[in-house]
């Protein structure tokens, strides 16, 4: 479904703040409603995180279907979605800080609970974000 990023596509997408994703619906053919989502590039790959996290319909569809479409920087591309876990999230956090540092919602988009340790290790005011945070790699 997808081909590697061509030329400066990834740079253009990473520099904008207009990425919309539309995972395939359950029929595997129809694209869902495009959803605006924050995105960053790290090591030549594109990553997204949604404020509503794992409970969002968009996230559930992306995990179930593993494919869809993005629009950004005047481009539309069919893509593959892949979940991300582990230490890479620290570098993705830093990319979010650089790109969205002045945004008041940044705190909800970084410091994944999994990267911080177990639920018991989190301050009480951070425990409510468990289950909300997710990172997804977009393979273009």
Foldseek 3Di string as FASTA:
>chain_A
DADADPDCNQVLQQQDQFKWWWAADPVLPHTHDTDRWGWHDDPRWIKTKHLQAPVDPRNVRLVVNQWTWMDGNNDIGTWGKDWDDDPVLVVVLVRLCVNVVPPPCSVSAHDAVRVQPDLVSDDPVPSVSVRRITMIIIGD
